[in-house]
């Protein structure tokens, strides 16, 4: 079963964020804990780690403003 990658909430008031960079490409093998994408929210950027190991499927493109909790990709 695939693990969903959700857009995380980085701050108390954060409601949406923007992926500024995917650090792996669609179809890449990723390892749990590896930096997966850069997320910009409220004028701060943070690298977010992979929640599981497997093959990455990207669902949200760089630059798309996305609500917290949205599925932005999967790892299977």
PDB file of N, CA and C in Angstrom:
ATOM      1  N   UNK A   1       0.840  -1.186   0.000  1.00  0.00           N
ATOM      2  CA  UNK A   1       0.000   0.000   0.000  1.00  0.00           C
ATOM      3  C   UNK A   1       0.884   1.248   0.000  1.00  0.00           C
ATOM      4  N   UNK A   2       0.465   2.245  -0.742  1.00  0.00           N
ATOM      5  CA  UNK A   2       1.246   3.475  -0.871  1.00  0.00           C
ATOM      6  C   UNK A   2       1.120   4.340   0.375  1.00  0.00           C
ATOM      7  N   UNK A   3       2.213   5.037   0.701  1.00  0.00           N
ATOM      8  CA  UNK A   3       2.217   6.018   1.778  1.00  0.00           C
ATOM      9  C   UNK A   3       1.947   7.386   1.169  1.00  0.00           C
ATOM     10  N   UNK A   4       0.929   8.071   1.671  1.00  0.00           N
ATOM     11  CA  UNK A   4       0.622   9.417   1.170  1.00  0.00           C
ATOM     12  C   UNK A   4       1.582  10.428   1.771  1.00  0.00           C
ATOM     13  N   UNK A   5       2.029  11.358   0.949  1.00  0.00           N
ATOM     14  CA  UNK A   5       2.856  12.471   1.411  1.00  0.00           C
ATOM     15  C   UNK A   5       1.926  13.672   1.515  1.00  0.00           C
ATOM     16  N   UNK A   6       1.703  14.138   2.726  1.00  0.00           N
ATOM     17  CA  UNK A   6       0.804  15.267   2.962  1.00  0.00           C
ATOM     18  C   UNK A   6       1.602  16.545   3.137  1.00  0.00           C
ATOM     19  N   UNK A   7       1.049  17.660   2.677  1.00  0.00           N
ATOM     20  CA  UNK A   7       1.684  18.949   2.912  1.00  0.00           C
ATOM     21  C   UNK A   7       1.594  19.231   4.408  1.00  0.00           C
ATOM     22  N   UNK A   8       2.748  19.326   5.083  1.00  0.00           N
ATOM     23  CA  UNK A   8       2.726  19.495   6.542  1.00  0.00           C
ATOM     24  C   UNK A   8       2.434  20.926   6.973  1.00  0.00           C
ATOM     25  N   UNK A   9       2.008  21.054   8.209  1.00  0.00           N
ATOM     26  CA  UNK A   9       1.778  22.363   8.822  1.00  0.00           C
ATOM     27  C   UNK A   9       3.033  22.723   9.600  1.00  0.00           C
ATOM     28  N   UNK A  10       3.737  23.775   9.174  1.00  0.00           N
ATOM     29  CA  UNK A  10       5.006  24.150   9.793  1.00  0.00           C
ATOM     30  C   UNK A  10       4.850  25.158  10.920  1.00  0.00           C
ATOM     31  N   UNK A  11       3.781  25.918  10.891  1.00  0.00           N
ATOM     32  CA  UNK A  11       3.565  26.930  11.915  1.00  0.00           C
ATOM     33  C   UNK A  11       2.129  26.909  12.388  1.00  0.00           C
ATOM     34  N   UNK A  12       1.892  27.497  13.533  1.00  0.00           N
ATOM     35  CA  UNK A  12       0.572  27.487  14.152  1.00  0.00           C
ATOM     36  C   UNK A  12      -0.507  28.052  13.236  1.00  0.00           C
ATOM     37  N   UNK A  13      -0.181  29.113  12.497  1.00  0.00           N
ATOM     38  CA  UNK A  13      -1.176  29.781  11.658  1.00  0.00           C
ATOM     39  C   UNK A  13      -1.105  29.371  10.189  1.00  0.00           C
ATOM     40  N   UNK A  14      -0.225  28.471   9.839  1.00  0.00           N
ATOM     41  CA  UNK A  14      -0.057  28.065   8.439  1.00  0.00           C
ATOM     42  C   UNK A  14      -1.299  27.343   7.922  1.00  0.00           C
ATOM     43  N   UNK A  15      -1.797  27.793   6.760  1.00  0.00           N
ATOM     44  CA  UNK A  15      -2.940  27.142   6.130  1.00  0.00           C
ATOM     45  C   UNK A  15      -2.595  26.618   4.736  1.00  0.00           C
ATOM     46  N   UNK A  16      -1.526  27.146   4.140  1.00  0.00           N
ATOM     47  CA  UNK A  16      -1.091  26.692   2.819  1.00  0.00           C
ATOM     48  C   UNK A  16       0.398  26.939   2.649  1.00  0.00           C
ATOM     49  N   UNK A  17       0.983  26.275   1.673  1.00  0.00           N
ATOM     50  CA  UNK A  17       2.406  26.423   1.404  1.00  0.00           C
ATOM     51  C   UNK A  17       2.686  26.141  -0.062  1.00  0.00           C
ATOM     52  N   UNK A  18       3.927  26.386  -0.451  1.00  0.00           N
ATOM     53  CA  UNK A  18       4.351  26.204  -1.832  1.00  0.00           C
ATOM     54  C   UNK A  18       5.602  25.338  -1.871  1.00  0.00           C
ATOM     55  N   UNK A  19       5.571  24.303  -2.694  1.00  0.00           N
ATOM     56  CA  UNK A  19       6.762  23.486  -2.895  1.00  0.00           C
ATOM     57  C   UNK A  19       7.677  24.267  -3.826  1.00  0.00           C
ATOM     58  N   UNK A  20       8.873  24.585  -3.329  1.00  0.00           N
ATOM     59  CA  UNK A  20       9.806  25.357  -4.141  1.00  0.00           C
ATOM     60  C   UNK A  20      10.790  24.470  -4.893  1.00  0.00           C
ATOM     61  N   UNK A  21      10.935  23.206  -4.445  1.00  0.00           N
ATOM     62  CA  UNK A  21      11.852  22.289  -5.109  1.00  0.00           C
ATOM     63  C   UNK A  21      11.560  20.861  -4.663  1.00  0.00           C
ATOM     64  N   UNK A  22      11.460  19.954  -5.622  1.00  0.00           N
ATOM     65  CA  UNK A  22      11.456  18.528  -5.321  1.00  0.00           C
ATOM     66  C   UNK A  22      12.912  18.086  -5.370  1.00  0.00           C
ATOM     67  N   UNK A  23      13.395  17.406  -4.345  1.00  0.00           N
ATOM     68  CA  UNK A  23      14.788  16.977  -4.263  1.00  0.00           C
ATOM     69  C   UNK A  23      14.985  15.580  -4.842  1.00  0.00           C
ATOM     70  N   UNK A  24      13.904  14.981  -5.305  1.00  0.00           N
ATOM     71  CA  UNK A  24      13.916  13.715  -6.042  1.00  0.00           C
ATOM     72  C   UNK A  24      12.919  13.890  -7.181  1.00  0.00           C
ATOM     73  N   UNK A  25      13.069  13.099  -8.227  1.00  0.00           N
ATOM     74  CA  UNK A  25      12.155  13.219  -9.362  1.00  0.00           C
ATOM     75  C   UNK A  25      11.128  12.092  -9.344  1.00  0.00           C
ATOM     76  N   UNK A  26      10.054  12.298 -10.080  1.00  0.00           N
ATOM     77  CA  UNK A  26       8.989  11.319 -10.182  1.00  0.00           C
ATOM     78  C   UNK A  26       9.572   9.984 -10.639  1.00  0.00           C
ATOM     79  N   UNK A  27       9.270   8.922  -9.895  1.00  0.00           N
ATOM     80  CA  UNK A  27       9.766   7.589 -10.242  1.00  0.00           C
ATOM     81  C   UNK A  27      11.051   7.206  -9.547  1.00  0.00           C
ATOM     82  N   UNK A  28      11.683   8.137  -8.844  1.00  0.00           N
ATOM     83  CA  UNK A  28      12.923   7.839  -8.117  1.00  0.00           C
ATOM     84  C   UNK A  28      12.650   6.946  -6.914  1.00  0.00           C
ATOM     85  N   UNK A  29      13.632   6.140  -6.568  1.00  0.00           N
ATOM     86  CA  UNK A  29      13.600   5.390  -5.314  1.00  0.00           C
ATOM     87  C   UNK A  29      14.061   6.347  -4.220  1.00  0.00           C
ATOM     88  N   UNK A  30      13.297   6.431  -3.136  1.00  0.00           N
ATOM     89  CA  UNK A  30      13.655   7.287  -2.009  1.00  0.00           C
ATOM     90  C   UNK A  30      13.734   6.445  -0.741  1.00  0.00           C
ATOM     91  N   UNK A  31      14.461   6.961   0.244  1.00  0.00           N
ATOM     92  CA  UNK A  31      14.656   6.273   1.511  1.00  0.00           C
ATOM     93  C   UNK A  31      14.052   7.122   2.620  1.00  0.00           C
ATOM     94  N   UNK A  32      13.351   6.473   3.540  1.00  0.00           N
ATOM     95  CA  UNK A  32      12.749   7.178   4.668  1.00  0.00           C
ATOM     96  C   UNK A  32      13.800   8.046   5.360  1.00  0.00           C
ATOM     97  N   UNK A  33      13.450   9.310   5.598  1.00  0.00           N
ATOM     98  CA  UNK A  33      14.346  10.246   6.264  1.00  0.00           C
ATOM     99  C   UNK A  33      15.182  11.088   5.310  1.00  0.00           C
ATOM    100  N   UNK A  34      15.208  10.724   4.040  1.00  0.00           N
ATOM    101  CA  UNK A  34      15.972  11.500   3.058  1.00  0.00           C
ATOM    102  C   UNK A  34      15.214  12.789   2.749  1.00  0.00           C
ATOM    103  N   UNK A  35      15.915  13.929   2.584  1.00  0.00           N
ATOM    104  CA  UNK A  35      15.233  15.172   2.199  1.00  0.00           C
ATOM    105  C   UNK A  35      14.487  14.954   0.885  1.00  0.00           C
ATOM    106  N   UNK A  36      13.193  15.312   0.871  1.00  0.00           N
ATOM    107  CA  UNK A  36      12.335  15.004  -0.270  1.00  0.00           C
ATOM    108  C   UNK A  36      11.916  16.242  -1.053  1.00  0.00           C
ATOM    109  N   UNK A  37      11.562  17.317  -0.339  1.00  0.00           N
ATOM    110  CA  UNK A  37      11.167  18.550  -1.023  1.00  0.00           C
ATOM    111  C   UNK A  37      11.390  19.744  -0.112  1.00  0.00           C
ATOM    112  N   UNK A  38      11.458  20.933  -0.736  1.00  0.00           N
ATOM    113  CA  UNK A  38      11.580  22.187   0.005  1.00  0.00           C
ATOM    114  C   UNK A  38      10.216  22.858   0.002  1.00  0.00           C
ATOM    115  N   UNK A  39       9.760  23.248   1.190  1.00  0.00           N
ATOM    116  CA  UNK A  39       8.451  23.848   1.372  1.00  0.00           C
ATOM    117  C   UNK A  39       8.602  25.273   1.882  1.00  0.00           C
ATOM    118  N   UNK A  40       7.965  26.216   1.185  1.00  0.00           N
ATOM    119  CA  UNK A  40       7.976  27.614   1.604  1.00  0.00           C
ATOM    120  C   UNK A  40       6.615  27.968   2.188  1.00  0.00           C
ATOM    121  N   UNK A  41       6.658  28.522   3.382  1.00  0.00           N
ATOM    122  CA  UNK A  41       5.429  28.956   4.049  1.00  0.00           C
ATOM    123  C   UNK A  41       5.765  30.129   4.951  1.00  0.00           C
ATOM    124  N   UNK A  42       4.942  31.147   4.909  1.00  0.00           N
ATOM    125  CA  UNK A  42       5.120  32.319   5.765  1.00  0.00           C
ATOM    126  C   UNK A  42       6.560  32.853   5.726  1.00  0.00           C
ATOM    127  N   UNK A  43       7.100  32.931   4.532  1.00  0.00           N
ATOM    128  CA  UNK A  43       8.426  33.508   4.269  1.00  0.00           C
ATOM    129  C   UNK A  43       9.579  32.713   4.864  1.00  0.00           C
ATOM    130  N   UNK A  44       9.367  31.437   5.160  1.00  0.00           N
ATOM    131  CA  UNK A  44      10.434  30.538   5.616  1.00  0.00           C
ATOM    132  C   UNK A  44      10.409  29.300   4.729  1.00  0.00           C
ATOM    133  N   UNK A  45      11.574  28.763   4.438  1.00  0.00           N
ATOM    134  CA  UNK A  45      11.663  27.553   3.632  1.00  0.00           C
ATOM    135  C   UNK A  45      12.303  26.457   4.462  1.00  0.00           C
ATOM    136  N   UNK A  46      11.734  25.259   4.383  1.00  0.00           N
ATOM    137  CA  UNK A  46      12.236  24.129   5.161  1.00  0.00           C
ATOM    138  C   UNK A  46      12.231  22.885   4.282  1.00  0.00           C
ATOM    139  N   UNK A  47      13.282  22.054   4.417  1.00  0.00           N
ATOM    140  CA  UNK A  47      13.305  20.778   3.711  1.00  0.00           C
ATOM    141  C   UNK A  47      12.494  19.768   4.512  1.00  0.00           C
ATOM    142  N   UNK A  48      11.675  18.991   3.815  1.00  0.00           N
ATOM    143  CA  UNK A  48      10.826  17.982   4.428  1.00  0.00           C
ATOM    144  C   UNK A  48      11.345  16.604   4.017  1.00  0.00           C
ATOM    145  N   UNK A  49      11.406  15.688   4.984  1.00  0.00           N
ATOM    146  CA  UNK A  49      11.952  14.351   4.742  1.00  0.00           C
ATOM    147  C   UNK A  49      10.888  13.373   4.268  1.00  0.00           C
ATOM    148  N   UNK A  50      11.339  12.334   3.579  1.00  0.00           N
ATOM    149  CA  UNK A  50      10.448  11.268   3.112  1.00  0.00           C
ATOM    150  C   UNK A  50       9.906  10.491   4.313  1.00  0.00           C
ATOM    151  N   UNK A  51       8.590  10.239   4.348  1.00  0.00           N
ATOM    152  CA  UNK A  51       8.002   9.513   5.466  1.00  0.00           C
ATOM    153  C   UNK A  51       8.147   7.992   5.355  1.00  0.00           C
ATOM    154  N   UNK A  52       8.631   7.497   4.204  1.00  0.00           N
ATOM    155  CA  UNK A  52       8.759   6.053   3.982  1.00  0.00           C
ATOM    156  C   UNK A  52       9.775   5.822   2.868  1.00  0.00           C
ATOM    157  N   UNK A  53      10.133   4.571   2.663  1.00  0.00           N
ATOM    158  CA  UNK A  53      11.020   4.194   1.566  1.00  0.00           C
ATOM    159  C   UNK A  53      10.197   3.576   0.440  1.00  0.00           C
ATOM    160  N   UNK A  54      10.625   3.803  -0.801  1.00  0.00           N
ATOM    161  CA  UNK A  54       9.945   3.228  -1.958  1.00  0.00           C
ATOM    162  C   UNK A  54      10.097   4.117  -3.176  1.00  0.00           C
ATOM    163  N   UNK A  55       9.143   4.014  -4.087  1.00  0.00           N
ATOM    164  CA  UNK A  55       9.168   4.765  -5.339  1.00  0.00           C
ATOM    165  C   UNK A  55       8.257   5.984  -5.221  1.00  0.00           C
ATOM    166  N   UNK A  56       8.812   7.149  -5.562  1.00  0.00           N
ATOM    167  CA  UNK A  56       8.098   8.424  -5.436  1.00  0.00           C
ATOM    168  C   UNK A  56       7.192   8.685  -6.632  1.00  0.00           C
ATOM    169  N   UNK A  57       5.967   9.098  -6.358  1.00  0.00           N
ATOM    170  CA  UNK A  57       5.027   9.577  -7.375  1.00  0.00           C
ATOM    171  C   UNK A  57       4.631  10.992  -6.972  1.00  0.00           C
ATOM    172  N   UNK A  58       5.013  11.983  -7.771  1.00  0.00           N
ATOM    173  CA  UNK A  58       4.733  13.392  -7.483  1.00  0.00           C
ATOM    174  C   UNK A  58       3.361  13.769  -8.039  1.00  0.00           C
ATOM    175  N   UNK A  59       2.523  14.394  -7.198  1.00  0.00           N
ATOM    176  CA  UNK A  59       1.181  14.806  -7.608  1.00  0.00           C
ATOM    177  C   UNK A  59       1.013  16.324  -7.691  1.00  0.00           C
ATOM    178  N   UNK A  60       1.905  17.086  -7.052  1.00  0.00           N
ATOM    179  CA  UNK A  60       1.817  18.550  -7.044  1.00  0.00           C
ATOM    180  C   UNK A  60       3.114  19.125  -7.606  1.00  0.00           C
ATOM    181  N   UNK A  61       2.988  20.029  -8.550  1.00  0.00           N
ATOM    182  CA  UNK A  61       4.152  20.622  -9.210  1.00  0.00           C
ATOM    183  C   UNK A  61       4.784  21.732  -8.382  1.00  0.00           C
ATOM    184  N   UNK A  62       6.027  22.022  -8.689  1.00  0.00           N
ATOM    185  CA  UNK A  62       6.742  23.138  -8.069  1.00  0.00           C
ATOM    186  C   UNK A  62       5.975  24.426  -8.351  1.00  0.00           C
ATOM    187  N   UNK A  63       5.841  25.250  -7.314  1.00  0.00           N
ATOM    188  CA  UNK A  63       5.206  26.554  -7.463  1.00  0.00           C
ATOM    189  C   UNK A  63       3.714  26.586  -7.212  1.00  0.00           C
ATOM    190  N   UNK A  64       3.071  25.422  -7.098  1.00  0.00           N
ATOM    191  CA  UNK A  64       1.631  25.392  -6.823  1.00  0.00           C
ATOM    192  C   UNK A  64       1.374  25.670  -5.349  1.00  0.00           C
ATOM    193  N   UNK A  65       0.547  26.660  -5.048  1.00  0.00           N
ATOM    194  CA  UNK A  65       0.150  26.930  -3.669  1.00  0.00           C
ATOM    195  C   UNK A  65      -0.862  25.862  -3.269  1.00  0.00           C
ATOM    196  N   UNK A  66      -0.598  25.181  -2.158  1.00  0.00           N
ATOM    197  CA  UNK A  66      -1.366  24.012  -1.763  1.00  0.00           C
ATOM    198  C   UNK A  66      -1.768  24.116  -0.310  1.00  0.00           C
ATOM    199  N   UNK A  67      -2.977  23.660   0.017  1.00  0.00           N
ATOM    200  CA  UNK A  67      -3.475  23.703   1.393  1.00  0.00           C
ATOM    201  C   UNK A  67      -2.812  22.629   2.252  1.00  0.00           C
ATOM    202  N   UNK A  68      -2.613  22.935   3.536  1.00  0.00           N
ATOM    203  CA  UNK A  68      -2.079  21.983   4.498  1.00  0.00           C
ATOM    204  C   UNK A  68      -2.957  20.737   4.499  1.00  0.00           C
ATOM    205  N   UNK A  69      -2.324  19.568   4.526  1.00  0.00           N
ATOM    206  CA  UNK A  69      -3.052  18.305   4.572  1.00  0.00           C
ATOM    207  C   UNK A  69      -3.354  17.710   3.203  1.00  0.00           C
ATOM    208  N   UNK A  70      -3.073  18.450   2.129  1.00  0.00           N
ATOM    209  CA  UNK A  70      -3.293  17.951   0.778  1.00  0.00           C
ATOM    210  C   UNK A  70      -2.264  16.866   0.453  1.00  0.00           C
ATOM    211  N   UNK A  71      -2.687  15.816  -0.243  1.00  0.00           N
ATOM    212  CA  UNK A  71      -1.765  14.774  -0.703  1.00  0.00           C
ATOM    213  C   UNK A  71      -0.974  15.354  -1.874  1.00  0.00           C
ATOM    214  N   UNK A  72       0.351  15.473  -1.696  1.00  0.00           N
ATOM    215  CA  UNK A  72       1.189  16.071  -2.733  1.00  0.00           C
ATOM    216  C   UNK A  72       1.996  15.019  -3.502  1.00  0.00           C
ATOM    217  N   UNK A  73       1.973  13.782  -2.986  1.00  0.00           N
ATOM    218  CA  UNK A  73       2.663  12.695  -3.632  1.00  0.00           C
ATOM    219  C   UNK A  73       2.444  11.412  -2.859  1.00  0.00           C
ATOM    220  N   UNK A  74       2.954  10.320  -3.424  1.00  0.00           N
ATOM    221  CA  UNK A  74       2.878   9.025  -2.744  1.00  0.00           C
ATOM    222  C   UNK A  74       4.222   8.306  -2.863  1.00  0.00           C
ATOM    223  N   UNK A  75       4.440   7.390  -1.935  1.00  0.00           N
ATOM    224  CA  UNK A  75       5.611   6.517  -1.990  1.00  0.00           C
ATOM    225  C   UNK A  75       5.087   5.087  -1.910  1.00  0.00           C
ATOM    226  N   UNK A  76       5.414   4.284  -2.916  1.00  0.00           N
ATOM    227  CA  UNK A  76       4.925   2.898  -2.920  1.00  0.00           C
ATOM    228  C   UNK A  76       6.070   1.911  -3.069  1.00  0.00           C
TER     229      UNK A  76
END
